[in-house]
Each structure stands twice: as structure tokens, then as C-alpha cells.
Protein backbone atom coordinates (compact mmCIF):
# COMPACT_ATOMS: atom_id res chain seq x y z
CA UNK A 1 0.00 0.00 0.00
CA UNK A 2 1.33 3.37 -0.88
CA UNK A 3 -0.23 6.75 -1.18
CA UNK A 4 -2.33 8.61 1.31
CA UNK A 5 -4.61 6.53 3.48
CA UNK A 6 -8.37 6.92 3.17
CA UNK A 7 -10.16 9.07 5.71
CA UNK A 8 -11.07 7.01 8.74
CA UNK A 9 -13.04 8.37 11.65
CA UNK A 10 -10.93 8.07 14.78
CA UNK A 11 -12.87 6.24 17.51
CA UNK A 12 -12.78 7.60 21.06
CA UNK A 13 -11.07 5.12 23.37
CA UNK A 14 -10.50 6.88 26.70
CA UNK A 15 -9.83 3.66 28.62
CA UNK A 16 -7.23 2.23 26.21
CA UNK A 17 -3.59 1.71 27.08
CA UNK A 18 -1.36 1.77 24.00
CA UNK A 19 2.42 1.46 23.74
CA UNK A 20 4.48 2.76 20.86
CA UNK A 21 7.47 0.47 20.36
CA UNK A 22 10.14 2.18 18.29
CA UNK A 23 13.54 1.23 16.95
CA UNK A 24 16.45 3.52 17.81
CA UNK A 25 18.20 3.35 14.42
CA UNK A 26 17.47 6.30 12.10
CA UNK A 27 16.35 8.45 15.01
CA UNK A 28 14.97 11.34 12.96
CA UNK A 29 12.70 9.02 10.97
CA UNK A 30 11.59 7.05 14.05
CA UNK A 31 10.88 10.22 16.05
CA UNK A 32 8.63 11.45 13.25
CA UNK A 33 6.82 8.10 13.16
CA UNK A 34 6.33 8.23 16.94
CA UNK A 35 4.94 11.76 16.74
CA UNK A 36 2.48 10.67 14.05
CA UNK A 37 1.33 7.76 16.20
CA UNK A 38 0.94 10.05 19.21
CA UNK A 39 -1.24 12.46 17.20
CA UNK A 40 -3.71 9.70 16.32
CA UNK A 41 -3.75 8.30 19.87
CA UNK A 42 -4.34 11.77 21.29
CA UNK A 43 -7.27 12.31 18.92
CA UNK A 44 -8.76 9.07 20.26
CA UNK A 45 -8.36 10.25 23.86
CA UNK A 46 -6.28 7.18 24.75
CA UNK A 47 -5.79 7.04 28.52
CA UNK A 48 -2.17 5.95 28.53
CA UNK A 49 0.47 6.16 25.82
CA UNK A 50 3.95 4.87 26.58
CA UNK A 51 6.91 5.03 24.20
CA UNK A 52 9.39 2.16 24.44
CA UNK A 53 12.64 2.27 22.50
CA UNK A 54 14.43 -0.90 21.39
CA UNK A 55 17.81 -1.22 19.65
CA UNK A 56 16.48 -2.05 16.17
CA UNK A 57 13.43 -3.14 14.24
CA UNK A 58 14.25 -6.83 14.69
CA UNK A 59 13.60 -6.43 18.43
CA UNK A 60 10.12 -4.94 17.95
CA UNK A 61 8.13 -8.23 17.97
CA UNK A 62 9.56 -9.46 21.28
CA UNK A 63 9.26 -6.04 22.92
CA UNK A 64 5.66 -5.83 21.68
CA UNK A 65 4.93 -9.23 23.20
CA UNK A 66 6.41 -8.14 26.53
CA UNK A 67 4.40 -4.92 26.51
CA UNK A 68 1.14 -6.64 25.63
CA UNK A 69 1.66 -9.30 28.30
CA UNK A 70 2.24 -6.52 30.85
CA UNK A 71 -1.33 -5.29 30.33
CA UNK A 72 -1.30 -2.86 27.43
CA UNK A 73 -4.22 -3.20 25.03
CA UNK A 74 -2.29 -2.58 21.82
CA UNK A 75 1.06 -1.62 20.30
CA UNK A 76 1.98 0.72 17.50
CA UNK A 77 5.28 -0.58 16.10
CA UNK A 78 7.47 1.91 14.25
CA UNK A 79 10.96 1.74 12.82
CA UNK A 80 12.94 1.69 9.62
CA UNK A 81 14.72 -1.12 7.86
CA UNK A 82 16.84 0.36 5.10
CA UNK A 83 18.11 -1.76 2.22
CA UNK A 84 21.85 -2.24 2.12
CA UNK A 85 24.16 -4.30 -0.05
CA UNK A 86 23.58 -7.63 1.70
CA UNK A 87 20.60 -9.97 2.24
CA UNK A 88 20.34 -8.67 5.83
CA UNK A 89 17.47 -6.38 4.73
CA UNK A 90 15.37 -9.32 3.53
CA UNK A 91 15.87 -11.33 6.71
CA UNK A 92 15.11 -8.43 9.04
CA UNK A 93 12.00 -7.42 7.07
CA UNK A 94 10.70 -10.98 7.09
CA UNK A 95 11.48 -11.42 10.79
CA UNK A 96 9.77 -8.18 11.81
CA UNK A 97 6.68 -8.81 9.70
CA UNK A 98 6.27 -12.44 10.72
CA UNK A 99 7.08 -11.68 14.36
CA UNK A 100 4.54 -8.88 14.64
CA UNK A 101 1.86 -11.04 13.05
CA UNK A 102 2.60 -14.02 15.30
CA UNK A 103 2.49 -11.90 18.47
CA UNK A 104 -0.80 -10.22 17.70
CA UNK A 105 -2.47 -13.49 16.70
CA UNK A 106 -1.12 -15.38 19.72
CA UNK A 107 -2.22 -12.70 22.19
CA UNK A 108 -5.36 -11.50 20.36
CA UNK A 109 -4.20 -7.91 20.76
CA UNK A 110 -3.54 -5.56 17.84
CA UNK A 111 -0.17 -4.31 16.67
CA UNK A 112 -0.14 -1.54 14.09
CA UNK A 113 2.79 -2.16 11.78
CA UNK A 114 4.39 1.19 11.03
CA UNK A 115 7.85 -0.25 10.39
CA UNK A 116 9.06 1.25 7.13
CA UNK A 117 10.97 -1.06 4.81
CA UNK A 118 12.59 1.17 2.23
CA UNK A 119 15.21 1.04 -0.48
CA UNK A 120 16.43 4.59 0.20
CA UNK A 121 16.43 7.12 3.00
CA UNK A 122 14.46 9.44 0.70
CA UNK A 123 11.63 6.90 0.55
CA UNK A 124 11.62 6.75 4.35
CA UNK A 125 11.52 10.54 4.67
CA UNK A 126 8.59 10.63 2.28
CA UNK A 127 6.60 8.19 4.45
CA UNK A 128 7.49 9.12 8.04
CA UNK A 129 5.30 12.17 8.61
CA UNK A 130 7.83 14.98 8.34
CA UNK A 131 6.49 18.33 7.12
CA UNK A 132 7.91 17.46 3.68
CA UNK A 133 6.48 13.91 3.67
CA UNK A 134 3.60 12.73 1.49
CA UNK A 135 2.58 10.07 4.02
CA UNK A 136 2.54 9.54 7.78
CA UNK A 137 2.84 5.83 8.45
CA UNK A 138 3.14 6.28 12.22
CA UNK A 139 -0.25 7.97 12.23
CA UNK A 140 -1.68 5.33 9.88
CA UNK A 141 -0.42 2.45 12.05
CA UNK A 142 -2.00 4.03 15.13
CA UNK A 143 -5.32 4.48 13.30
CA UNK A 144 -5.26 0.78 12.38
CA UNK A 145 -4.78 -0.14 16.05
CA UNK A 146 -7.58 2.19 17.12
CA UNK A 147 -9.93 0.65 14.59
CA UNK A 148 -9.17 -2.86 15.86
CA UNK A 149 -9.60 -1.81 19.50
CA UNK A 150 -12.96 -0.26 18.61
CA UNK A 151 -13.97 -3.42 16.74
CA UNK A 152 -13.11 -5.50 19.81
CA UNK A 153 -15.36 -3.29 21.95
CA UNK A 154 -18.26 -3.89 19.54
CA UNK A 155 -17.92 -7.69 19.60
């Protein structure tokens, strides 16, 4: 999916506890993603938002599992995996994606995947929610989590 996300009404979730788990690599990009996620969570009136920093994107699934098991309702995962000259990119992207999916299915708690997987730093800057960006994937990942939390309340 690329391009701007469709308009989605942000549900009000004043009792929700949501953690933002962020990688520490590419700090400027990750900070922008965190700020985007915070904007969406603030609009939803989320009771508690906690930012947790991990060394890199590969650590996001385990940290998300720890956070969810500690009592948080959801996680917004943000980070950047940038393609290099080795297969490392492919392995990290696969591990993060599979890990996030396995954790949310095992615990029945949503994780919004805002981990950017880009070929160039320019692509990341265009997607991270900076003033010059065309997209805000941190915000979008938080909106996805909010929608799933609201769905769970309806069921």
C-alpha cells in the first residue's frame, strides 16, 4: 500500500492503554513516526500512551509481546529497515513482519505495523510524517490499532 490513506473516523477510546514500540536506528525518521502515532492516539483520547525504545526493528516483535503481556491493550510498532548491499534487509523485514503477526495473533491484541521497509532514506523521509512527507505511516499504524480496538469493543 502506498499513497495517502483513506479518511477514517478516529474512535474515542478513553480507557485504552497503547504502547508505541520504536527502533532507535534512524532516530529522525523514528521520532517522526512516533509523533504521528501520538497524534492519532491523542485524537482518540487514549488514557495511557507509553513510548518504548528498542535497539532495532528486529527487536520490535519481542518487545511488543512483553508490553502486551504486561497489560497494554495494543502496540503501535514503528521503525525503519533500510536496504543495504547484503541480504540482511530481507531477513530483518521478514522477521519483523512475521514476528509482529505471530504476536498479535497469539495474544489477540492488535499491533499496528508502522515499520518502514525502504530502499532509500528518501523513501523513508517521504513516508514518516515529516512536514515534507507525502505520508505519515506512524499515524496510519495508530489508526489501524484504534480501529481494531474499537472493533473489539463492539464484539
